[in-house]
């Protein structure tokens, strides 16, 4: 009985986290290539909060004001903690 409960909980947790984990892994793998391309073509790095704002704007359901607030929240957190 306990095995069955643990298995169901584990399946549910895996289903909830696998998409997030896959996205993080893909982001970590792709990021060095993006940096290399920006350096090759002379494009400067993004400022704090710009990547989050751009990602937010790619969703057609998000409004411009909401996406600006997402970027502002990241900047605020960066100013307080100093980590990005």
PDB file of N, CA and C in Angstrom:
ATOM      1  N   UNK A   1       0.822  -1.197   0.000  1.00  0.00           N
ATOM      2  CA  UNK A   1       0.000   0.000   0.000  1.00  0.00           C
ATOM      3  C   UNK A   1       0.861   1.254   0.000  1.00  0.00           C
ATOM      4  N   UNK A   2       1.883   1.269   0.850  1.00  0.00           N
ATOM      5  CA  UNK A   2       2.774   2.427   0.924  1.00  0.00           C
ATOM      6  C   UNK A   2       3.535   2.587  -0.384  1.00  0.00           C
ATOM      7  N   UNK A   3       3.934   1.446  -0.980  1.00  0.00           N
ATOM      8  CA  UNK A   3       4.621   1.495  -2.270  1.00  0.00           C
ATOM      9  C   UNK A   3       3.762   2.177  -3.325  1.00  0.00           C
ATOM     10  N   UNK A   4       2.492   1.857  -3.344  1.00  0.00           N
ATOM     11  CA  UNK A   4       1.576   2.423  -4.323  1.00  0.00           C
ATOM     12  C   UNK A   4       1.444   3.937  -4.134  1.00  0.00           C
ATOM     13  N   UNK A   5       1.356   4.380  -2.898  1.00  0.00           N
ATOM     14  CA  UNK A   5       1.228   5.815  -2.609  1.00  0.00           C
ATOM     15  C   UNK A   5       2.509   6.547  -3.012  1.00  0.00           C
ATOM     16  N   UNK A   6       3.657   5.979  -2.663  1.00  0.00           N
ATOM     17  CA  UNK A   6       4.932   6.606  -3.007  1.00  0.00           C
ATOM     18  C   UNK A   6       5.098   6.669  -4.517  1.00  0.00           C
ATOM     19  N   UNK A   7       4.713   5.621  -5.219  1.00  0.00           N
ATOM     20  CA  UNK A   7       4.817   5.603  -6.671  1.00  0.00           C
ATOM     21  C   UNK A   7       3.937   6.676  -7.298  1.00  0.00           C
ATOM     22  N   UNK A   8       2.712   6.819  -6.821  1.00  0.00           N
ATOM     23  CA  UNK A   8       1.819   7.841  -7.372  1.00  0.00           C
ATOM     24  C   UNK A   8       2.344   9.246  -7.103  1.00  0.00           C
ATOM     25  N   UNK A   9       2.846   9.468  -5.902  1.00  0.00           N
ATOM     26  CA  UNK A   9       3.394  10.782  -5.567  1.00  0.00           C
ATOM     27  C   UNK A   9       4.620  11.076  -6.419  1.00  0.00           C
ATOM     28  N   UNK A  10       5.473  10.078  -6.617  1.00  0.00           N
ATOM     29  CA  UNK A  10       6.678  10.267  -7.426  1.00  0.00           C
ATOM     30  C   UNK A  10       6.325  10.552  -8.883  1.00  0.00           C
ATOM     31  N   UNK A  11       5.341   9.836  -9.420  1.00  0.00           N
ATOM     32  CA  UNK A  11       4.907  10.085 -10.800  1.00  0.00           C
ATOM     33  C   UNK A  11       4.357  11.493 -10.949  1.00  0.00           C
ATOM     34  N   UNK A  12       3.569  11.924  -9.985  1.00  0.00           N
ATOM     35  CA  UNK A  12       3.004  13.277 -10.038  1.00  0.00           C
ATOM     36  C   UNK A  12       4.111  14.326  -9.965  1.00  0.00           C
ATOM     37  N   UNK A  13       5.070  14.124  -9.060  1.00  0.00           N
ATOM     38  CA  UNK A  13       6.172  15.084  -8.912  1.00  0.00           C
ATOM     39  C   UNK A  13       7.022  15.124 -10.180  1.00  0.00           C
ATOM     40  N   UNK A  14       7.294  13.979 -10.780  1.00  0.00           N
ATOM     41  CA  UNK A  14       8.076  13.926 -12.007  1.00  0.00           C
ATOM     42  C   UNK A  14       7.360  14.641 -13.139  1.00  0.00           C
ATOM     43  N   UNK A  15       6.052  14.430 -13.238  1.00  0.00           N
ATOM     44  CA  UNK A  15       5.274  15.082 -14.284  1.00  0.00           C
ATOM     45  C   UNK A  15       5.311  16.598 -14.124  1.00  0.00           C
ATOM     46  N   UNK A  16       5.265  17.084 -12.884  1.00  0.00           N
ATOM     47  CA  UNK A  16       5.256  18.525 -12.614  1.00  0.00           C
ATOM     48  C   UNK A  16       6.617  19.167 -12.867  1.00  0.00           C
ATOM     49  N   UNK A  17       7.703  18.435 -12.607  1.00  0.00           N
ATOM     50  CA  UNK A  17       9.031  19.043 -12.669  1.00  0.00           C
ATOM     51  C   UNK A  17       9.798  18.761 -13.948  1.00  0.00           C
ATOM     52  N   UNK A  18       9.433  17.752 -14.717  1.00  0.00           N
ATOM     53  CA  UNK A  18      10.270  17.390 -15.861  1.00  0.00           C
ATOM     54  C   UNK A  18      10.307  18.485 -16.920  1.00  0.00           C
ATOM     55  N   UNK A  19       9.212  19.199 -17.144  1.00  0.00           N
ATOM     56  CA  UNK A  19       9.226  20.274 -18.133  1.00  0.00           C
ATOM     57  C   UNK A  19      10.138  21.408 -17.682  1.00  0.00           C
ATOM     58  N   UNK A  20      10.081  21.758 -16.404  1.00  0.00           N
ATOM     59  CA  UNK A  20      10.939  22.830 -15.888  1.00  0.00           C
ATOM     60  C   UNK A  20      12.405  22.437 -15.976  1.00  0.00           C
ATOM     61  N   UNK A  21      12.704  21.209 -15.625  1.00  0.00           N
ATOM     62  CA  UNK A  21      14.083  20.734 -15.659  1.00  0.00           C
ATOM     63  C   UNK A  21      14.592  20.717 -17.097  1.00  0.00           C
ATOM     64  N   UNK A  22      13.765  20.227 -18.016  1.00  0.00           N
ATOM     65  CA  UNK A  22      14.170  20.182 -19.423  1.00  0.00           C
ATOM     66  C   UNK A  22      14.414  21.585 -19.958  1.00  0.00           C
ATOM     67  N   UNK A  23      13.579  22.548 -19.590  1.00  0.00           N
ATOM     68  CA  UNK A  23      13.769  23.920 -20.039  1.00  0.00           C
ATOM     69  C   UNK A  23      15.061  24.508 -19.484  1.00  0.00           C
ATOM     70  N   UNK A  24      15.345  24.255 -18.212  1.00  0.00           N
ATOM     71  CA  UNK A  24      16.576  24.774 -17.595  1.00  0.00           C
ATOM     72  C   UNK A  24      17.806  24.164 -18.269  1.00  0.00           C
ATOM     73  N   UNK A  25      17.779  22.863 -18.543  1.00  0.00           N
ATOM     74  CA  UNK A  25      18.910  22.203 -19.189  1.00  0.00           C
ATOM     75  C   UNK A  25      19.115  22.774 -20.583  1.00  0.00           C
ATOM     76  N   UNK A  26      18.042  22.937 -21.336  1.00  0.00           N
ATOM     77  CA  UNK A  26      18.148  23.495 -22.684  1.00  0.00           C
ATOM     78  C   UNK A  26      18.696  24.922 -22.638  1.00  0.00           C
ATOM     79  N   UNK A  27      18.242  25.706 -21.679  1.00  0.00           N
ATOM     80  CA  UNK A  27      18.715  27.077 -21.546  1.00  0.00           C
ATOM     81  C   UNK A  27      20.212  27.113 -21.238  1.00  0.00           C
ATOM     82  N   UNK A  28      20.673  26.229 -20.345  1.00  0.00           N
ATOM     83  CA  UNK A  28      22.088  26.189 -19.988  1.00  0.00           C
ATOM     84  C   UNK A  28      22.952  25.728 -21.160  1.00  0.00           C
ATOM     85  N   UNK A  29      22.418  24.840 -22.002  1.00  0.00           N
ATOM     86  CA  UNK A  29      23.182  24.346 -23.142  1.00  0.00           C
ATOM     87  C   UNK A  29      23.241  25.395 -24.248  1.00  0.00           C
ATOM     88  N   UNK A  30      22.156  26.104 -24.479  1.00  0.00           N
ATOM     89  CA  UNK A  30      22.070  27.054 -25.583  1.00  0.00           C
ATOM     90  C   UNK A  30      22.757  28.376 -25.259  1.00  0.00           C
ATOM     91  N   UNK A  31      22.826  28.756 -24.004  1.00  0.00           N
ATOM     92  CA  UNK A  31      23.350  30.068 -23.618  1.00  0.00           C
ATOM     93  C   UNK A  31      24.779  30.335 -24.096  1.00  0.00           C
ATOM     94  N   UNK A  32      25.744  29.397 -23.987  1.00  0.00           N
ATOM     95  CA  UNK A  32      27.094  29.695 -24.492  1.00  0.00           C
ATOM     96  C   UNK A  32      27.122  29.987 -25.991  1.00  0.00           C
ATOM     97  N   UNK A  33      26.294  29.281 -26.771  1.00  0.00           N
ATOM     98  CA  UNK A  33      26.243  29.535 -28.209  1.00  0.00           C
ATOM     99  C   UNK A  33      25.655  30.909 -28.510  1.00  0.00           C
ATOM    100  N   UNK A  34      24.653  31.311 -27.739  1.00  0.00           N
ATOM    101  CA  UNK A  34      24.085  32.646 -27.924  1.00  0.00           C
ATOM    102  C   UNK A  34      25.125  33.714 -27.629  1.00  0.00           C
ATOM    103  N   UNK A  35      25.897  33.530 -26.557  1.00  0.00           N
ATOM    104  CA  UNK A  35      26.950  34.489 -26.217  1.00  0.00           C
ATOM    105  C   UNK A  35      27.993  34.573 -27.323  1.00  0.00           C
ATOM    106  N   UNK A  36      28.392  33.402 -27.853  1.00  0.00           N
ATOM    107  CA  UNK A  36      29.389  33.380 -28.917  1.00  0.00           C
ATOM    108  C   UNK A  36      28.884  34.120 -30.158  1.00  0.00           C
ATOM    109  N   UNK A  37      27.621  33.892 -30.528  1.00  0.00           N
ATOM    110  CA  UNK A  37      27.051  34.577 -31.688  1.00  0.00           C
ATOM    111  C   UNK A  37      26.980  36.083 -31.471  1.00  0.00           C
ATOM    112  N   UNK A  38      26.630  36.504 -30.246  1.00  0.00           N
ATOM    113  CA  UNK A  38      26.569  37.942 -29.971  1.00  0.00           C
ATOM    114  C   UNK A  38      27.948  38.577 -30.092  1.00  0.00           C
ATOM    115  N   UNK A  39      28.979  37.877 -29.625  1.00  0.00           N
ATOM    116  CA  UNK A  39      30.342  38.413 -29.730  1.00  0.00           C
ATOM    117  C   UNK A  39      30.797  38.464 -31.182  1.00  0.00           C
ATOM    118  N   UNK A  40      30.487  37.405 -31.955  1.00  0.00           N
ATOM    119  CA  UNK A  40      30.901  37.369 -33.359  1.00  0.00           C
ATOM    120  C   UNK A  40      30.257  38.488 -34.174  1.00  0.00           C
ATOM    121  N   UNK A  41      28.998  38.758 -33.914  1.00  0.00           N
ATOM    122  CA  UNK A  41      28.279  39.760 -34.698  1.00  0.00           C
ATOM    123  C   UNK A  41      28.275  41.137 -34.045  1.00  0.00           C
ATOM    124  N   UNK A  42      28.982  41.296 -32.932  1.00  0.00           N
ATOM    125  CA  UNK A  42      29.111  42.608 -32.311  1.00  0.00           C
ATOM    126  C   UNK A  42      27.883  43.076 -31.565  1.00  0.00           C
ATOM    127  N   UNK A  43      27.049  42.157 -31.128  1.00  0.00           N
ATOM    128  CA  UNK A  43      25.848  42.503 -30.380  1.00  0.00           C
ATOM    129  C   UNK A  43      26.202  42.494 -28.899  1.00  0.00           C
ATOM    130  N   UNK A  44      25.878  43.560 -28.200  1.00  0.00           N
ATOM    131  CA  UNK A  44      26.212  43.624 -26.786  1.00  0.00           C
ATOM    132  C   UNK A  44      25.304  42.711 -25.963  1.00  0.00           C
ATOM    133  N   UNK A  45      25.801  42.306 -24.800  1.00  0.00           N
ATOM    134  CA  UNK A  45      25.007  41.461 -23.911  1.00  0.00           C
ATOM    135  C   UNK A  45      23.770  42.214 -23.425  1.00  0.00           C
ATOM    136  N   UNK A  46      22.780  41.461 -23.022  1.00  0.00           N
ATOM    137  CA  UNK A  46      21.548  42.060 -22.513  1.00  0.00           C
ATOM    138  C   UNK A  46      21.765  42.579 -21.100  1.00  0.00           C
ATOM    139  N   UNK A  47      21.073  43.635 -20.773  1.00  0.00           N
ATOM    140  CA  UNK A  47      21.121  44.176 -19.420  1.00  0.00           C
ATOM    141  C   UNK A  47      20.256  43.339 -18.491  1.00  0.00           C
ATOM    142  N   UNK A  48      20.351  43.611 -17.207  1.00  0.00           N
ATOM    143  CA  UNK A  48      19.576  42.877 -16.209  1.00  0.00           C
ATOM    144  C   UNK A  48      18.087  43.094 -16.473  1.00  0.00           C
ATOM    145  N   UNK A  49      17.339  42.028 -16.570  1.00  0.00           N
ATOM    146  CA  UNK A  49      15.896  42.099 -16.747  1.00  0.00           C
ATOM    147  C   UNK A  49      15.436  42.119 -18.192  1.00  0.00           C
ATOM    148  N   UNK A  50      16.330  42.349 -19.144  1.00  0.00           N
ATOM    149  CA  UNK A  50      15.902  42.412 -20.540  1.00  0.00           C
ATOM    150  C   UNK A  50      15.519  41.035 -21.078  1.00  0.00           C
ATOM    151  N   UNK A  51      16.269  40.003 -20.700  1.00  0.00           N
ATOM    152  CA  UNK A  51      15.953  38.656 -21.183  1.00  0.00           C
ATOM    153  C   UNK A  51      14.572  38.223 -20.685  1.00  0.00           C
ATOM    154  N   UNK A  52      14.278  38.513 -19.412  1.00  0.00           N
ATOM    155  CA  UNK A  52      12.976  38.145 -18.860  1.00  0.00           C
ATOM    156  C   UNK A  52      11.846  38.915 -19.546  1.00  0.00           C
ATOM    157  N   UNK A  53      12.086  40.193 -19.835  1.00  0.00           N
ATOM    158  CA  UNK A  53      11.072  40.995 -20.514  1.00  0.00           C
ATOM    159  C   UNK A  53      10.828  40.459 -21.918  1.00  0.00           C
ATOM    160  N   UNK A  54      11.893  40.107 -22.626  1.00  0.00           N
ATOM    161  CA  UNK A  54      11.756  39.567 -23.981  1.00  0.00           C
ATOM    162  C   UNK A  54      11.001  38.240 -23.951  1.00  0.00           C
ATOM    163  N   UNK A  55      11.357  37.367 -23.006  1.00  0.00           N
ATOM    164  CA  UNK A  55      10.652  36.086 -22.893  1.00  0.00           C
ATOM    165  C   UNK A  55       9.175  36.297 -22.587  1.00  0.00           C
ATOM    166  N   UNK A  56       8.879  37.287 -21.763  1.00  0.00           N
ATOM    167  CA  UNK A  56       7.499  37.589 -21.414  1.00  0.00           C
ATOM    168  C   UNK A  56       6.730  38.099 -22.634  1.00  0.00           C
ATOM    169  N   UNK A  57       7.379  38.933 -23.437  1.00  0.00           N
ATOM    170  CA  UNK A  57       6.708  39.501 -24.607  1.00  0.00           C
ATOM    171  C   UNK A  57       6.453  38.472 -25.698  1.00  0.00           C
ATOM    172  N   UNK A  58       7.156  37.357 -25.671  1.00  0.00           N
ATOM    173  CA  UNK A  58       6.943  36.322 -26.678  1.00  0.00           C
ATOM    174  C   UNK A  58       5.608  35.618 -26.494  1.00  0.00           C
ATOM    175  N   UNK A  59       5.031  35.721 -25.312  1.00  0.00           N
ATOM    176  CA  UNK A  59       3.706  35.144 -25.068  1.00  0.00           C
ATOM    177  C   UNK A  59       2.666  36.177 -25.491  1.00  0.00           C
ATOM    178  N   UNK A  60       1.819  35.858 -26.462  1.00  0.00           N
ATOM    179  CA  UNK A  60       0.857  36.856 -26.963  1.00  0.00           C
ATOM    180  C   UNK A  60      -0.220  37.243 -25.949  1.00  0.00           C
ATOM    181  N   UNK A  61      -0.384  36.471 -24.879  1.00  0.00           N
ATOM    182  CA  UNK A  61      -1.426  36.767 -23.899  1.00  0.00           C
ATOM    183  C   UNK A  61      -0.980  37.775 -22.855  1.00  0.00           C
ATOM    184  N   UNK A  62       0.329  38.067 -22.780  1.00  0.00           N
ATOM    185  CA  UNK A  62       0.837  39.004 -21.786  1.00  0.00           C
ATOM    186  C   UNK A  62       0.769  40.433 -22.318  1.00  0.00           C
ATOM    187  N   UNK A  63       0.414  41.356 -21.445  1.00  0.00           N
ATOM    188  CA  UNK A  63       0.362  42.761 -21.850  1.00  0.00           C
ATOM    189  C   UNK A  63       1.737  43.397 -21.695  1.00  0.00           C
ATOM    190  N   UNK A  64       1.937  44.532 -22.334  1.00  0.00           N
ATOM    191  CA  UNK A  64       3.208  45.232 -22.268  1.00  0.00           C
ATOM    192  C   UNK A  64       3.509  45.706 -20.848  1.00  0.00           C
ATOM    193  N   UNK A  65       2.491  46.200 -20.147  1.00  0.00           N
ATOM    194  CA  UNK A  65       2.704  46.662 -18.773  1.00  0.00           C
ATOM    195  C   UNK A  65       3.132  45.514 -17.860  1.00  0.00           C
ATOM    196  N   UNK A  66       2.523  44.361 -18.040  1.00  0.00           N
ATOM    197  CA  UNK A  66       2.897  43.205 -17.228  1.00  0.00           C
ATOM    198  C   UNK A  66       4.356  42.817 -17.487  1.00  0.00           C
ATOM    199  N   UNK A  67       4.757  42.799 -18.752  1.00  0.00           N
ATOM    200  CA  UNK A  67       6.124  42.412 -19.091  1.00  0.00           C
ATOM    201  C   UNK A  67       7.136  43.428 -18.566  1.00  0.00           C
ATOM    202  N   UNK A  68       6.772  44.706 -18.580  1.00  0.00           N
ATOM    203  CA  UNK A  68       7.655  45.721 -18.003  1.00  0.00           C
ATOM    204  C   UNK A  68       7.813  45.479 -16.507  1.00  0.00           C
ATOM    205  N   UNK A  69       6.730  45.108 -15.847  1.00  0.00           N
ATOM    206  CA  UNK A  69       6.812  44.862 -14.407  1.00  0.00           C
ATOM    207  C   UNK A  69       7.665  43.635 -14.097  1.00  0.00           C
ATOM    208  N   UNK A  70       7.652  42.635 -14.976  1.00  0.00           N
ATOM    209  CA  UNK A  70       8.496  41.456 -14.788  1.00  0.00           C
ATOM    210  C   UNK A  70       9.961  41.865 -14.819  1.00  0.00           C
ATOM    211  N   UNK A  71      10.339  42.669 -15.807  1.00  0.00           N
ATOM    212  CA  UNK A  71      11.714  43.149 -15.894  1.00  0.00           C
ATOM    213  C   UNK A  71      12.096  44.021 -14.719  1.00  0.00           C
ATOM    214  N   UNK A  72      11.172  44.877 -14.285  1.00  0.00           N
ATOM    215  CA  UNK A  72      11.447  45.751 -13.136  1.00  0.00           C
ATOM    216  C   UNK A  72      11.640  44.947 -11.854  1.00  0.00           C
ATOM    217  N   UNK A  73      10.861  43.883 -11.680  1.00  0.00           N
ATOM    218  CA  UNK A  73      11.018  43.038 -10.487  1.00  0.00           C
ATOM    219  C   UNK A  73      12.386  42.370 -10.467  1.00  0.00           C
ATOM    220  N   UNK A  74      12.866  41.925 -11.625  1.00  0.00           N
ATOM    221  CA  UNK A  74      14.193  41.299 -11.689  1.00  0.00           C
ATOM    222  C   UNK A  74      15.262  42.335 -11.363  1.00  0.00           C
ATOM    223  N   UNK A  75      15.107  43.549 -11.887  1.00  0.00           N
ATOM    224  CA  UNK A  75      16.089  44.610 -11.595  1.00  0.00           C
ATOM    225  C   UNK A  75      16.094  44.960 -10.113  1.00  0.00           C
ATOM    226  N   UNK A  76      14.907  45.030  -9.514  1.00  0.00           N
ATOM    227  CA  UNK A  76      14.801  45.333  -8.094  1.00  0.00           C
ATOM    228  C   UNK A  76      15.506  44.267  -7.259  1.00  0.00           C
ATOM    229  N   UNK A  77      15.276  43.000  -7.629  1.00  0.00           N
ATOM    230  CA  UNK A  77      15.918  41.900  -6.916  1.00  0.00           C
ATOM    231  C   UNK A  77      17.432  41.973  -7.088  1.00  0.00           C
ATOM    232  N   UNK A  78      17.884  42.332  -8.289  1.00  0.00           N
ATOM    233  CA  UNK A  78      19.329  42.445  -8.542  1.00  0.00           C
ATOM    234  C   UNK A  78      19.949  43.548  -7.702  1.00  0.00           C
ATOM    235  N   UNK A  79      19.250  44.673  -7.586  1.00  0.00           N
ATOM    236  CA  UNK A  79      19.780  45.771  -6.781  1.00  0.00           C
ATOM    237  C   UNK A  79      19.890  45.394  -5.310  1.00  0.00           C
ATOM    238  N   UNK A  80      18.922  44.599  -4.815  1.00  0.00           N
ATOM    239  CA  UNK A  80      18.923  44.225  -3.399  1.00  0.00           C
ATOM    240  C   UNK A  80      19.976  43.164  -3.096  1.00  0.00           C
ATOM    241  N   UNK A  81      20.061  42.136  -3.946  1.00  0.00           N
ATOM    242  CA  UNK A  81      20.917  40.992  -3.637  1.00  0.00           C
ATOM    243  C   UNK A  81      22.255  41.027  -4.350  1.00  0.00           C
ATOM    244  N   UNK A  82      22.311  41.656  -5.514  1.00  0.00           N
ATOM    245  CA  UNK A  82      23.549  41.693  -6.286  1.00  0.00           C
ATOM    246  C   UNK A  82      23.791  40.451  -7.097  1.00  0.00           C
ATOM    247  N   UNK A  83      22.833  39.533  -7.109  1.00  0.00           N
ATOM    248  CA  UNK A  83      22.976  38.314  -7.930  1.00  0.00           C
ATOM    249  C   UNK A  83      21.937  38.329  -9.030  1.00  0.00           C
ATOM    250  N   UNK A  84      22.297  37.731 -10.138  1.00  0.00           N
ATOM    251  CA  UNK A  84      21.379  37.692 -11.294  1.00  0.00           C
ATOM    252  C   UNK A  84      21.180  36.275 -11.707  1.00  0.00           C
TER     253      UNK A  84
END
